[in-house]
Amino acid sequence: FLKLIRLLRIFRLIDRWHEQIPVSFAAVTFVKNLGLVYFWAHWMACIWGGVGLTEELFTTDRHSSTWIDSIDRLADDSDIWDVYLVAFYWGVFTLTTIGYGDAYPHNHAEYA
């Protein structure tokens, strides 16, 4: 976990570059915000995908469905990267509040 916190040092590195290379404040702010959205969307995708896969593996009710089952693009032969891409898409759209409708929770574990 501590190594993840070290990733936030990238902002200090960007500040040093900003002092050495003349870049507009707007460009620096844009890159920082883009990095933050990517960072949090990645973690949301990992958690969201993990919940969907875990619920799918350990459920006793064979009639329950997960968000992974509801996505047509995620066939039975899909690999983990397909699930991650859809979960990352969900994370970005959730963070930016653009809206979505094709990846949403389907059971109690996913709503939590």
Foldseek 3Di string as FASTA:
>chain_A
DVVVVVVVCVLVVLVVVCVVDPDDPVVSVVVVVVVVLQVQLQVQLVVLLVLQVVCVVPPPDPPFHFLLVQAPVNDPPDDSVVSSVVSSVVSSCVVVVPDDDSRDGRDDSNVD
